[in-house]
């Protein structure tokens, strides 16, 4: 389609510019939500779970069973970023969020059909491992492939893309809302409160003392 025909198509629909801006904002919102979701699943969530077990593990009556569970081992064996400073870790997150915006196939469907499709799994592995150099390399490769997610020139196709993004963003928001109500994500604010931890430990210790019969009492029952 020539530039003249594109311009004519847009001018025939006064709502095109407004719809285009709304669609761009939806892509930004979706990329942001997906970045938070990956961050929670791969880094923040395991960290909160590990902090919880460090604070209360010695008082958990089911500690042995929990420690034997594959999910527990996976949480405790979370991937650390020991070689990265705080500034470098923030840089990793910033680079990853930029990559989500231009390489995630849900944000830009074209990314799942061109050369970027093979890059996304590598990007995800690099982010999970905190591999800053690999993310920088992926950013260079991705930037060469796409300047940014394009939008349809046809107003009908643009409306369809807007509606798809609206549904995907709403689904991502629902997942985050559900995660925030489950362990360990519902602990993230409380674990920064030393007073809450102290009160919880006291309550757990009282429950533990109440549920565990003293050794002398068990011996008396056997004699009788």
C-alpha atoms as a PDB file:
ATOM      1  CA  UNK A   1       0.000   0.000   0.000  1.00  0.00           C
ATOM      2  CA  UNK A   2       1.415   3.387  -0.979  1.00  0.00           C
ATOM      3  CA  UNK A   3       1.897   6.186   1.539  1.00  0.00           C
ATOM      4  CA  UNK A   4      -0.896   8.113  -0.166  1.00  0.00           C
ATOM      5  CA  UNK A   5      -3.358   5.211   0.207  1.00  0.00           C
ATOM      6  CA  UNK A   6      -2.369   4.720   3.847  1.00  0.00           C
ATOM      7  CA  UNK A   7      -2.906   8.395   4.584  1.00  0.00           C
ATOM      8  CA  UNK A   8      -6.259   8.267   2.763  1.00  0.00           C
ATOM      9  CA  UNK A   9      -7.299   5.201   4.754  1.00  0.00           C
ATOM     10  CA  UNK A  10      -6.479   6.911   8.041  1.00  0.00           C
ATOM     11  CA  UNK A  11      -8.135  10.206   7.111  1.00  0.00           C
ATOM     12  CA  UNK A  12     -11.320   8.311   6.250  1.00  0.00           C
ATOM     13  CA  UNK A  13     -11.575   7.244   9.890  1.00  0.00           C
ATOM     14  CA  UNK A  14     -11.333  10.183  12.306  1.00  0.00           C
ATOM     15  CA  UNK A  15     -11.151   7.765  15.248  1.00  0.00           C
ATOM     16  CA  UNK A  16      -7.993   6.082  13.923  1.00  0.00           C
ATOM     17  CA  UNK A  17      -5.491   8.231  15.814  1.00  0.00           C
ATOM     18  CA  UNK A  18      -7.353   7.874  19.098  1.00  0.00           C
ATOM     19  CA  UNK A  19      -7.659   4.121  18.622  1.00  0.00           C
ATOM     20  CA  UNK A  20      -3.965   3.854  17.717  1.00  0.00           C
ATOM     21  CA  UNK A  21      -2.947   5.692  20.894  1.00  0.00           C
ATOM     22  CA  UNK A  22      -5.224   3.495  23.006  1.00  0.00           C
ATOM     23  CA  UNK A  23      -3.770   0.364  21.398  1.00  0.00           C
ATOM     24  CA  UNK A  24      -0.205   1.526  22.064  1.00  0.00           C
ATOM     25  CA  UNK A  25      -1.116   2.153  25.694  1.00  0.00           C
ATOM     26  CA  UNK A  26      -2.582  -1.360  25.959  1.00  0.00           C
ATOM     27  CA  UNK A  27       0.663  -2.832  24.627  1.00  0.00           C
ATOM     28  CA  UNK A  28       2.607  -0.861  27.213  1.00  0.00           C
ATOM     29  CA  UNK A  29       0.235  -2.014  29.965  1.00  0.00           C
ATOM     30  CA  UNK A  30       0.447  -5.653  28.879  1.00  0.00           C
ATOM     31  CA  UNK A  31       4.252  -5.596  28.670  1.00  0.00           C
ATOM     32  CA  UNK A  32       4.430  -4.053  32.144  1.00  0.00           C
ATOM     33  CA  UNK A  33       2.096  -6.671  33.656  1.00  0.00           C
ATOM     34  CA  UNK A  34       3.967  -9.553  32.004  1.00  0.00           C
ATOM     35  CA  UNK A  35       7.289  -8.197  33.271  1.00  0.00           C
ATOM     36  CA  UNK A  36       5.958  -8.102  36.831  1.00  0.00           C
ATOM     37  CA  UNK A  37       4.572 -11.633  36.461  1.00  0.00           C
ATOM     38  CA  UNK A  38       7.921 -13.037  35.300  1.00  0.00           C
ATOM     39  CA  UNK A  39       9.706 -11.138  38.045  1.00  0.00           C
ATOM     40  CA  UNK A  40       7.396 -12.586  40.690  1.00  0.00           C
ATOM     41  CA  UNK A  41       7.582 -16.140  39.379  1.00  0.00           C
ATOM     42  CA  UNK A  42      11.322 -16.341  38.823  1.00  0.00           C
ATOM     43  CA  UNK A  43      12.851 -14.039  41.420  1.00  0.00           C
ATOM     44  CA  UNK A  44      10.658 -12.209  43.922  1.00  0.00           C
ATOM     45  CA  UNK A  45       8.329 -15.099  44.726  1.00  0.00           C
ATOM     46  CA  UNK A  46      11.086 -17.631  45.513  1.00  0.00           C
ATOM     47  CA  UNK A  47      12.894 -14.968  47.515  1.00  0.00           C
ATOM     48  CA  UNK A  48       9.791 -14.254  49.626  1.00  0.00           C
ATOM     49  CA  UNK A  49       9.246 -17.972  50.165  1.00  0.00           C
ATOM     50  CA  UNK A  50      12.858 -18.460  51.239  1.00  0.00           C
ATOM     51  CA  UNK A  51      12.568 -15.509  53.634  1.00  0.00           C
ATOM     52  CA  UNK A  52       9.397 -17.001  55.102  1.00  0.00           C
ATOM     53  CA  UNK A  53      11.066 -20.359  55.759  1.00  0.00           C
ATOM     54  CA  UNK A  54      14.101 -18.667  57.269  1.00  0.00           C
ATOM     55  CA  UNK A  55      11.809 -16.785  59.646  1.00  0.00           C
ATOM     56  CA  UNK A  56       9.422 -19.610  60.586  1.00  0.00           C
ATOM     57  CA  UNK A  57      10.903 -22.897  59.388  1.00  0.00           C
ATOM     58  CA  UNK A  58      12.145 -23.940  62.822  1.00  0.00           C
ATOM     59  CA  UNK A  59       8.590 -23.663  64.181  1.00  0.00           C
ATOM     60  CA  UNK A  60       6.824 -25.534  61.357  1.00  0.00           C
ATOM     61  CA  UNK A  61       5.505 -28.902  62.541  1.00  0.00           C
ATOM     62  CA  UNK A  62       5.504 -30.175  58.955  1.00  0.00           C
ATOM     63  CA  UNK A  63       9.014 -28.948  58.183  1.00  0.00           C
ATOM     64  CA  UNK A  64      10.338 -32.422  57.333  1.00  0.00           C
ATOM     65  CA  UNK A  65       7.508 -33.088  54.908  1.00  0.00           C
ATOM     66  CA  UNK A  66       7.843 -29.644  53.364  1.00  0.00           C
ATOM     67  CA  UNK A  67      11.597 -29.940  52.986  1.00  0.00           C
ATOM     68  CA  UNK A  68      11.175 -33.250  51.163  1.00  0.00           C
ATOM     69  CA  UNK A  69       8.701 -31.829  48.671  1.00  0.00           C
ATOM     70  CA  UNK A  70      10.068 -31.001  45.197  1.00  0.00           C
ATOM     71  CA  UNK A  71       8.326 -27.618  45.265  1.00  0.00           C
ATOM     72  CA  UNK A  72      10.039 -26.714  48.533  1.00  0.00           C
ATOM     73  CA  UNK A  73      13.446 -27.699  47.172  1.00  0.00           C
ATOM     74  CA  UNK A  74      12.801 -25.621  44.078  1.00  0.00           C
ATOM     75  CA  UNK A  75      11.935 -22.596  46.204  1.00  0.00           C
ATOM     76  CA  UNK A  76      14.993 -22.860  48.423  1.00  0.00           C
ATOM     77  CA  UNK A  77      17.299 -23.538  45.451  1.00  0.00           C
ATOM     78  CA  UNK A  78      16.240 -20.280  43.795  1.00  0.00           C
ATOM     79  CA  UNK A  79      18.592 -18.795  41.297  1.00  0.00           C
ATOM     80  CA  UNK A  80      20.625 -16.043  42.965  1.00  0.00           C
ATOM     81  CA  UNK A  81      22.395 -13.154  41.284  1.00  0.00           C
ATOM     82  CA  UNK A  82      25.528 -13.131  43.461  1.00  0.00           C
ATOM     83  CA  UNK A  83      27.733 -11.631  40.768  1.00  0.00           C
ATOM     84  CA  UNK A  84      25.442  -8.647  40.200  1.00  0.00           C
ATOM     85  CA  UNK A  85      25.362  -5.487  42.232  1.00  0.00           C
ATOM     86  CA  UNK A  86      22.014  -3.923  43.108  1.00  0.00           C
ATOM     87  CA  UNK A  87      22.433  -1.465  40.241  1.00  0.00           C
ATOM     88  CA  UNK A  88      23.268  -4.277  37.805  1.00  0.00           C
ATOM     89  CA  UNK A  89      20.233  -6.301  38.963  1.00  0.00           C
ATOM     90  CA  UNK A  90      18.021  -3.262  38.350  1.00  0.00           C
ATOM     91  CA  UNK A  91      19.654  -2.929  34.933  1.00  0.00           C
ATOM     92  CA  UNK A  92      18.806  -6.577  34.166  1.00  0.00           C
ATOM     93  CA  UNK A  93      15.170  -5.920  34.986  1.00  0.00           C
ATOM     94  CA  UNK A  94      15.107  -2.774  32.848  1.00  0.00           C
ATOM     95  CA  UNK A  95      16.605  -4.572  29.834  1.00  0.00           C
ATOM     96  CA  UNK A  96      14.195  -7.480  30.260  1.00  0.00           C
ATOM     97  CA  UNK A  97      11.169  -5.187  30.392  1.00  0.00           C
ATOM     98  CA  UNK A  98      12.291  -3.540  27.184  1.00  0.00           C
ATOM     99  CA  UNK A  99      12.646  -6.961  25.558  1.00  0.00           C
ATOM    100  CA  UNK A 100       9.174  -8.014  26.691  1.00  0.00           C
ATOM    101  CA  UNK A 101       7.766  -4.995  24.874  1.00  0.00           C
ATOM    102  CA  UNK A 102       9.348  -5.907  21.521  1.00  0.00           C
ATOM    103  CA  UNK A 103       9.937  -9.673  21.625  1.00  0.00           C
ATOM    104  CA  UNK A 104       7.102 -11.259  23.609  1.00  0.00           C
ATOM    105  CA  UNK A 105       4.702 -12.936  21.158  1.00  0.00           C
ATOM    106  CA  UNK A 106       1.643 -11.975  23.230  1.00  0.00           C
ATOM    107  CA  UNK A 107       2.597  -8.309  23.144  1.00  0.00           C
ATOM    108  CA  UNK A 108       3.505  -8.357  19.448  1.00  0.00           C
ATOM    109  CA  UNK A 109       2.136 -11.378  17.521  1.00  0.00           C
ATOM    110  CA  UNK A 110       4.636 -10.731  14.720  1.00  0.00           C
ATOM    111  CA  UNK A 111       7.421 -11.593  17.168  1.00  0.00           C
ATOM    112  CA  UNK A 112       6.173 -15.166  17.231  1.00  0.00           C
ATOM    113  CA  UNK A 113       6.408 -15.458  13.456  1.00  0.00           C
ATOM    114  CA  UNK A 114       9.734 -13.849  12.526  1.00  0.00           C
ATOM    115  CA  UNK A 115      13.324 -14.305  13.731  1.00  0.00           C
ATOM    116  CA  UNK A 116      12.389 -13.055  17.182  1.00  0.00           C
ATOM    117  CA  UNK A 117      10.542 -16.328  17.859  1.00  0.00           C
ATOM    118  CA  UNK A 118      13.839 -18.118  18.440  1.00  0.00           C
ATOM    119  CA  UNK A 119      15.142 -15.300  20.630  1.00  0.00           C
ATOM    120  CA  UNK A 120      12.371 -15.245  23.237  1.00  0.00           C
ATOM    121  CA  UNK A 121      13.260 -18.601  24.934  1.00  0.00           C
ATOM    122  CA  UNK A 122      16.883 -17.422  25.155  1.00  0.00           C
ATOM    123  CA  UNK A 123      15.767 -14.118  26.650  1.00  0.00           C
ATOM    124  CA  UNK A 124      13.696 -15.923  29.264  1.00  0.00           C
ATOM    125  CA  UNK A 125      16.554 -18.250  30.229  1.00  0.00           C
ATOM    126  CA  UNK A 126      18.931 -15.312  30.533  1.00  0.00           C
ATOM    127  CA  UNK A 127      16.502 -13.437  32.750  1.00  0.00           C
ATOM    128  CA  UNK A 128      15.890 -16.423  34.996  1.00  0.00           C
ATOM    129  CA  UNK A 129      19.631 -16.747  35.518  1.00  0.00           C
ATOM    130  CA  UNK A 130      20.321 -13.038  35.821  1.00  0.00           C
ATOM    131  CA  UNK A 131      22.652 -13.221  32.812  1.00  0.00           C
ATOM    132  CA  UNK A 132      23.119  -9.540  32.080  1.00  0.00           C
ATOM    133  CA  UNK A 133      25.557 -10.023  29.190  1.00  0.00           C
ATOM    134  CA  UNK A 134      23.182 -12.439  27.422  1.00  0.00           C
ATOM    135  CA  UNK A 135      20.291  -9.985  27.815  1.00  0.00           C
ATOM    136  CA  UNK A 136      22.380  -7.156  26.376  1.00  0.00           C
ATOM    137  CA  UNK A 137      23.279  -9.374  23.407  1.00  0.00           C
ATOM    138  CA  UNK A 138      19.608 -10.296  22.946  1.00  0.00           C
ATOM    139  CA  UNK A 139      18.679  -6.622  23.067  1.00  0.00           C
ATOM    140  CA  UNK A 140      21.107  -5.861  20.237  1.00  0.00           C
ATOM    141  CA  UNK A 141      19.734  -8.747  18.154  1.00  0.00           C
ATOM    142  CA  UNK A 142      16.113  -7.817  18.805  1.00  0.00           C
ATOM    143  CA  UNK A 143      16.622  -4.136  18.081  1.00  0.00           C
ATOM    144  CA  UNK A 144      18.081  -5.062  14.694  1.00  0.00           C
ATOM    145  CA  UNK A 145      14.954  -7.084  13.904  1.00  0.00           C
ATOM    146  CA  UNK A 146      12.271  -4.675  15.074  1.00  0.00           C
ATOM    147  CA  UNK A 147      12.231  -0.992  15.849  1.00  0.00           C
ATOM    148  CA  UNK A 148       9.029  -1.528  17.796  1.00  0.00           C
ATOM    149  CA  UNK A 149       5.692  -3.287  17.516  1.00  0.00           C
ATOM    150  CA  UNK A 150       3.929  -2.069  14.408  1.00  0.00           C
ATOM    151  CA  UNK A 151       0.191  -1.412  14.318  1.00  0.00           C
ATOM    152  CA  UNK A 152      -2.223  -2.109  11.469  1.00  0.00           C
ATOM    153  CA  UNK A 153      -3.007   0.759   9.116  1.00  0.00           C
ATOM    154  CA  UNK A 154      -6.506  -0.569   8.523  1.00  0.00           C
ATOM    155  CA  UNK A 155      -8.916   0.663  11.195  1.00  0.00           C
ATOM    156  CA  UNK A 156     -10.800  -2.653  11.323  1.00  0.00           C
ATOM    157  CA  UNK A 157      -7.594  -4.620  11.884  1.00  0.00           C
ATOM    158  CA  UNK A 158      -6.488  -2.018  14.433  1.00  0.00           C
ATOM    159  CA  UNK A 159      -9.760  -2.476  16.341  1.00  0.00           C
ATOM    160  CA  UNK A 160      -9.215  -6.249  16.381  1.00  0.00           C
ATOM    161  CA  UNK A 161      -5.670  -5.777  17.714  1.00  0.00           C
ATOM    162  CA  UNK A 162      -6.946  -3.351  20.352  1.00  0.00           C
ATOM    163  CA  UNK A 163      -9.534  -5.864  21.541  1.00  0.00           C
ATOM    164  CA  UNK A 164      -6.986  -8.698  21.605  1.00  0.00           C
ATOM    165  CA  UNK A 165      -4.589  -6.646  23.707  1.00  0.00           C
ATOM    166  CA  UNK A 166      -7.394  -5.554  26.019  1.00  0.00           C
ATOM    167  CA  UNK A 167      -8.277  -9.183  26.710  1.00  0.00           C
ATOM    168  CA  UNK A 168      -4.615 -10.211  27.173  1.00  0.00           C
ATOM    169  CA  UNK A 169      -3.922  -7.305  29.550  1.00  0.00           C
ATOM    170  CA  UNK A 170      -7.025  -8.093  31.609  1.00  0.00           C
ATOM    171  CA  UNK A 171      -5.948 -11.748  31.845  1.00  0.00           C
ATOM    172  CA  UNK A 172      -2.458 -10.737  33.006  1.00  0.00           C
ATOM    173  CA  UNK A 173      -3.950  -8.414  35.621  1.00  0.00           C
ATOM    174  CA  UNK A 174      -6.182 -11.243  36.895  1.00  0.00           C
ATOM    175  CA  UNK A 175      -3.201 -13.587  37.211  1.00  0.00           C
ATOM    176  CA  UNK A 176      -1.305 -10.997  39.230  1.00  0.00           C
ATOM    177  CA  UNK A 177      -4.316 -10.387  41.469  1.00  0.00           C
ATOM    178  CA  UNK A 178      -4.687 -14.132  42.101  1.00  0.00           C
ATOM    179  CA  UNK A 179      -0.954 -14.537  42.769  1.00  0.00           C
ATOM    180  CA  UNK A 180      -0.981 -11.667  45.255  1.00  0.00           C
ATOM    181  CA  UNK A 181      -3.458 -13.599  47.420  1.00  0.00           C
ATOM    182  CA  UNK A 182      -1.459 -16.846  47.547  1.00  0.00           C
ATOM    183  CA  UNK A 183       1.758 -17.923  49.260  1.00  0.00           C
ATOM    184  CA  UNK A 184       4.393 -16.580  49.102  1.00  0.00           C
ATOM    185  CA  UNK A 185       3.167 -13.422  47.392  1.00  0.00           C
ATOM    186  CA  UNK A 186       0.762 -12.564  50.220  1.00  0.00           C
ATOM    187  CA  UNK A 187       3.769 -12.462  52.583  1.00  0.00           C
ATOM    188  CA  UNK A 188       5.851  -9.869  50.754  1.00  0.00           C
ATOM    189  CA  UNK A 189       4.737  -6.834  52.780  1.00  0.00           C
ATOM    190  CA  UNK A 190       4.481  -8.650  56.118  1.00  0.00           C
ATOM    191  CA  UNK A 191       8.010 -10.065  55.940  1.00  0.00           C
ATOM    192  CA  UNK A 192       9.389  -6.536  56.155  1.00  0.00           C
ATOM    193  CA  UNK A 193       7.558  -6.008  59.462  1.00  0.00           C
ATOM    194  CA  UNK A 194       9.760  -7.230  62.338  1.00  0.00           C
ATOM    195  CA  UNK A 195       6.885  -6.794  64.787  1.00  0.00           C
ATOM    196  CA  UNK A 196       4.586  -8.995  62.735  1.00  0.00           C
ATOM    197  CA  UNK A 197       7.262 -11.696  62.481  1.00  0.00           C
ATOM    198  CA  UNK A 198       7.792 -11.580  66.255  1.00  0.00           C
ATOM    199  CA  UNK A 199       4.054 -11.920  66.943  1.00  0.00           C
ATOM    200  CA  UNK A 200       3.690 -14.735  64.423  1.00  0.00           C
ATOM    201  CA  UNK A 201       6.617 -16.636  65.904  1.00  0.00           C
ATOM    202  CA  UNK A 202       5.123 -16.314  69.368  1.00  0.00           C
ATOM    203  CA  UNK A 203       1.755 -17.595  68.139  1.00  0.00           C
ATOM    204  CA  UNK A 204       3.350 -20.514  66.294  1.00  0.00           C
ATOM    205  CA  UNK A 205       5.458 -21.408  69.331  1.00  0.00           C
ATOM    206  CA  UNK A 206       2.323 -21.444  71.505  1.00  0.00           C
ATOM    207  CA  UNK A 207       0.520 -23.682  69.011  1.00  0.00           C
ATOM    208  CA  UNK A 208       3.530 -25.968  68.860  1.00  0.00           C
ATOM    209  CA  UNK A 209       3.736 -26.214  72.650  1.00  0.00           C
ATOM    210  CA  UNK A 210       0.005 -26.948  72.878  1.00  0.00           C
ATOM    211  CA  UNK A 211      -0.048 -29.643  70.171  1.00  0.00           C
ATOM    212  CA  UNK A 212       3.110 -31.486  71.230  1.00  0.00           C
ATOM    213  CA  UNK A 213       2.582 -33.589  74.375  1.00  0.00           C
ATOM    214  CA  UNK A 214       5.465 -33.466  76.908  1.00  0.00           C
ATOM    215  CA  UNK A 215       7.678 -36.553  76.968  1.00  0.00           C
ATOM    216  CA  UNK A 216       6.773 -37.269  80.602  1.00  0.00           C
ATOM    217  CA  UNK A 217       3.068 -37.309  79.814  1.00  0.00           C
ATOM    218  CA  UNK A 218       3.572 -39.920  77.081  1.00  0.00           C
ATOM    219  CA  UNK A 219       5.555 -42.112  79.522  1.00  0.00           C
ATOM    220  CA  UNK A 220       2.811 -41.895  82.149  1.00  0.00           C
ATOM    221  CA  UNK A 221       0.225 -43.068  79.642  1.00  0.00           C
ATOM    222  CA  UNK A 222       2.305 -46.140  78.824  1.00  0.00           C
ATOM    223  CA  UNK A 223       2.677 -47.065  82.533  1.00  0.00           C
ATOM    224  CA  UNK A 224      -1.040 -46.737  83.205  1.00  0.00           C
END
